[in-house]
Amino acid sequence: MTVEKVETELFCIHCGRETEHEFIYISGKLTKIECLECGLTLKFDQEVLLLIYSKDLIKGIFTKLQRIADEAFADLSKFLRAIPVRIITKPKRVVDEVRKIIDD
């Protein structure tokens, strides 16, 4: 497990101005941001972030049918030219994205 600390200036909502903040990464994942002036801290639970991402991914898959229908009605000839490539590439892009999230 590697811990990396990065400092940068951000606007602090508690201080009301730009202040120095410390970002803490554990194994390459952002876990905490802390204002070095007032101590205001934001912590990131990776499991919660993964759950939110999963819900967004599932919602995107379910709404894809409506978006495809909208595209077909908007310009049928363009849709028919693009659909064969998309049928092949979209599942691969989704699988690659999920693998990247899981592997991180």
C-alpha atoms as a PDB file:
ATOM      1  CA  MET A   1       0.000   0.000   0.000  1.00  0.00           C
ATOM      2  CA  THR A   2       1.478   3.332  -1.044  1.00  0.00           C
ATOM      3  CA  VAL A   3       0.500   6.657   0.470  1.00  0.00           C
ATOM      4  CA  GLU A   4       0.980   9.807  -1.575  1.00  0.00           C
ATOM      5  CA  LYS A   5       0.396  13.347  -0.327  1.00  0.00           C
ATOM      6  CA  VAL A   6      -0.135  16.218  -2.757  1.00  0.00           C
ATOM      7  CA  GLU A   7      -0.595  19.860  -1.799  1.00  0.00           C
ATOM      8  CA  THR A   8      -2.477  22.379  -3.920  1.00  0.00           C
ATOM      9  CA  GLU A   9      -4.505  25.550  -3.536  1.00  0.00           C
ATOM     10  CA  LEU A  10      -8.297  25.243  -3.558  1.00  0.00           C
ATOM     11  CA  PHE A  11     -11.189  27.410  -2.450  1.00  0.00           C
ATOM     12  CA  CYS A  12     -12.142  26.375   1.099  1.00  0.00           C
ATOM     13  CA  ILE A  13     -15.843  26.808   1.843  1.00  0.00           C
ATOM     14  CA  HIS A  14     -15.103  27.126   5.571  1.00  0.00           C
ATOM     15  CA  CYS A  15     -12.300  29.710   5.245  1.00  0.00           C
ATOM     16  CA  GLY A  16     -14.105  31.539   2.423  1.00  0.00           C
ATOM     17  CA  ARG A  17     -10.928  31.902   0.341  1.00  0.00           C
ATOM     18  CA  GLU A  18      -8.250  29.954  -1.472  1.00  0.00           C
ATOM     19  CA  THR A  19      -6.051  28.021   0.922  1.00  0.00           C
ATOM     20  CA  GLU A  20      -3.516  25.220   0.780  1.00  0.00           C
ATOM     21  CA  HIS A  21      -5.112  21.750   0.752  1.00  0.00           C
ATOM     22  CA  GLU A  22      -3.575  18.319   1.123  1.00  0.00           C
ATOM     23  CA  PHE A  23      -4.800  15.410  -1.000  1.00  0.00           C
ATOM     24  CA  ILE A  24      -4.129  11.916   0.389  1.00  0.00           C
ATOM     25  CA  TYR A  25      -4.004   9.005  -2.051  1.00  0.00           C
ATOM     26  CA  ILE A  26      -3.749   5.421  -0.814  1.00  0.00           C
ATOM     27  CA  SER A  27      -2.753   2.924  -3.490  1.00  0.00           C
ATOM     28  CA  GLY A  28      -3.549   5.559  -6.111  1.00  0.00           C
ATOM     29  CA  LYS A  29      -7.093   6.234  -4.852  1.00  0.00           C
ATOM     30  CA  LEU A  30      -8.120   9.593  -3.416  1.00  0.00           C
ATOM     31  CA  THR A  31      -9.174   9.026   0.180  1.00  0.00           C
ATOM     32  CA  LYS A  32      -9.053  12.472   1.807  1.00  0.00           C
ATOM     33  CA  ILE A  33      -8.778  16.213   1.108  1.00  0.00           C
ATOM     34  CA  GLU A  34      -7.911  18.481   4.030  1.00  0.00           C
ATOM     35  CA  CYS A  35      -7.657  22.260   4.294  1.00  0.00           C
ATOM     36  CA  LEU A  36      -4.313  22.960   5.936  1.00  0.00           C
ATOM     37  CA  GLU A  37      -5.576  26.220   7.445  1.00  0.00           C
ATOM     38  CA  CYS A  38      -8.849  25.276   9.150  1.00  0.00           C
ATOM     39  CA  GLY A  39      -8.650  21.474   9.065  1.00  0.00           C
ATOM     40  CA  LEU A  40     -11.920  20.961   7.151  1.00  0.00           C
ATOM     41  CA  THR A  41     -11.667  17.422   5.820  1.00  0.00           C
ATOM     42  CA  LEU A  42     -13.498  15.536   3.085  1.00  0.00           C
ATOM     43  CA  LYS A  43     -13.135  11.758   3.199  1.00  0.00           C
ATOM     44  CA  PHE A  44     -13.956   9.470   0.291  1.00  0.00           C
ATOM     45  CA  ASP A  45     -15.219   5.950   0.952  1.00  0.00           C
ATOM     46  CA  GLN A  46     -14.207   3.915  -2.101  1.00  0.00           C
ATOM     47  CA  GLU A  47     -17.002   1.379  -1.568  1.00  0.00           C
ATOM     48  CA  VAL A  48     -19.625   4.137  -1.577  1.00  0.00           C
ATOM     49  CA  LEU A  49     -18.100   5.680  -4.711  1.00  0.00           C
ATOM     50  CA  LEU A  50     -18.156   2.261  -6.421  1.00  0.00           C
ATOM     51  CA  LEU A  51     -21.825   1.804  -5.456  1.00  0.00           C
ATOM     52  CA  ILE A  52     -22.708   5.220  -6.906  1.00  0.00           C
ATOM     53  CA  TYR A  53     -20.773   4.436 -10.088  1.00  0.00           C
ATOM     54  CA  SER A  54     -22.522   1.056 -10.390  1.00  0.00           C
ATOM     55  CA  LYS A  55     -25.962   2.668 -10.103  1.00  0.00           C
ATOM     56  CA  ASP A  56     -25.048   5.252 -12.744  1.00  0.00           C
ATOM     57  CA  LEU A  57     -23.748   2.530 -15.071  1.00  0.00           C
ATOM     58  CA  ILE A  58     -26.919   0.446 -14.719  1.00  0.00           C
ATOM     59  CA  LYS A  59     -29.101   3.522 -15.262  1.00  0.00           C
ATOM     60  CA  GLY A  60     -27.084   4.357 -18.384  1.00  0.00           C
ATOM     61  CA  ILE A  61     -27.573   0.858 -19.761  1.00  0.00           C
ATOM     62  CA  PHE A  62     -31.344   0.967 -19.182  1.00  0.00           C
ATOM     63  CA  THR A  63     -31.745   4.417 -20.723  1.00  0.00           C
ATOM     64  CA  LYS A  64     -29.646   3.439 -23.761  1.00  0.00           C
ATOM     65  CA  LEU A  65     -32.702   2.001 -25.532  1.00  0.00           C
ATOM     66  CA  GLN A  66     -34.516   5.327 -25.371  1.00  0.00           C
ATOM     67  CA  ARG A  67     -31.441   7.204 -26.562  1.00  0.00           C
ATOM     68  CA  ILE A  68     -31.054   4.782 -29.485  1.00  0.00           C
ATOM     69  CA  ALA A  69     -34.694   5.264 -30.446  1.00  0.00           C
ATOM     70  CA  ASP A  70     -34.310   9.046 -30.282  1.00  0.00           C
ATOM     71  CA  GLU A  71     -31.255   8.875 -32.573  1.00  0.00           C
ATOM     72  CA  ALA A  72     -33.103   6.656 -35.065  1.00  0.00           C
ATOM     73  CA  PHE A  73     -36.046   9.056 -35.272  1.00  0.00           C
ATOM     74  CA  ALA A  74     -33.762  12.107 -35.564  1.00  0.00           C
ATOM     75  CA  ASP A  75     -31.738  10.817 -38.539  1.00  0.00           C
ATOM     76  CA  LEU A  76     -32.491   7.262 -39.666  1.00  0.00           C
ATOM     77  CA  SER A  77     -29.851   7.055 -42.413  1.00  0.00           C
ATOM     78  CA  LYS A  78     -27.054   8.229 -40.102  1.00  0.00           C
ATOM     79  CA  PHE A  79     -28.299   5.846 -37.426  1.00  0.00           C
ATOM     80  CA  LEU A  80     -28.311   2.866 -39.815  1.00  0.00           C
ATOM     81  CA  ARG A  81     -24.760   3.630 -40.968  1.00  0.00           C
ATOM     82  CA  ALA A  82     -23.434   3.875 -37.406  1.00  0.00           C
ATOM     83  CA  ILE A  83     -25.290   1.056 -35.658  1.00  0.00           C
ATOM     84  CA  PRO A  84     -23.214  -1.926 -36.922  1.00  0.00           C
ATOM     85  CA  VAL A  85     -20.002  -0.427 -35.525  1.00  0.00           C
ATOM     86  CA  ARG A  86     -21.674   0.597 -32.276  1.00  0.00           C
ATOM     87  CA  ILE A  87     -23.120  -2.880 -31.717  1.00  0.00           C
ATOM     88  CA  ILE A  88     -19.583  -4.235 -31.770  1.00  0.00           C
ATOM     89  CA  THR A  89     -17.714  -1.481 -29.936  1.00  0.00           C
ATOM     90  CA  LYS A  90     -20.125  -0.411 -27.161  1.00  0.00           C
ATOM     91  CA  PRO A  91     -20.153  -3.688 -25.199  1.00  0.00           C
ATOM     92  CA  LYS A  92     -16.351  -3.782 -25.345  1.00  0.00           C
ATOM     93  CA  ARG A  93     -16.111  -0.194 -24.063  1.00  0.00           C
ATOM     94  CA  VAL A  94     -18.469  -0.972 -21.171  1.00  0.00           C
ATOM     95  CA  VAL A  95     -16.522  -4.130 -20.244  1.00  0.00           C
ATOM     96  CA  ASP A  96     -13.205  -2.228 -20.441  1.00  0.00           C
ATOM     97  CA  GLU A  97     -14.576   0.533 -18.205  1.00  0.00           C
ATOM     98  CA  VAL A  98     -15.877  -1.940 -15.611  1.00  0.00           C
ATOM     99  CA  ARG A  99     -12.581  -3.866 -15.639  1.00  0.00           C
ATOM    100  CA  LYS A 100     -10.651  -0.651 -15.085  1.00  0.00           C
ATOM    101  CA  ILE A 101     -12.821   0.235 -12.074  1.00  0.00           C
ATOM    102  CA  ILE A 102     -12.540  -3.277 -10.614  1.00  0.00           C
ATOM    103  CA  ASP A 103      -8.774  -3.492 -11.166  1.00  0.00           C
ATOM    104  CA  ASP A 104      -8.152  -0.098  -9.541  1.00  0.00           C
END
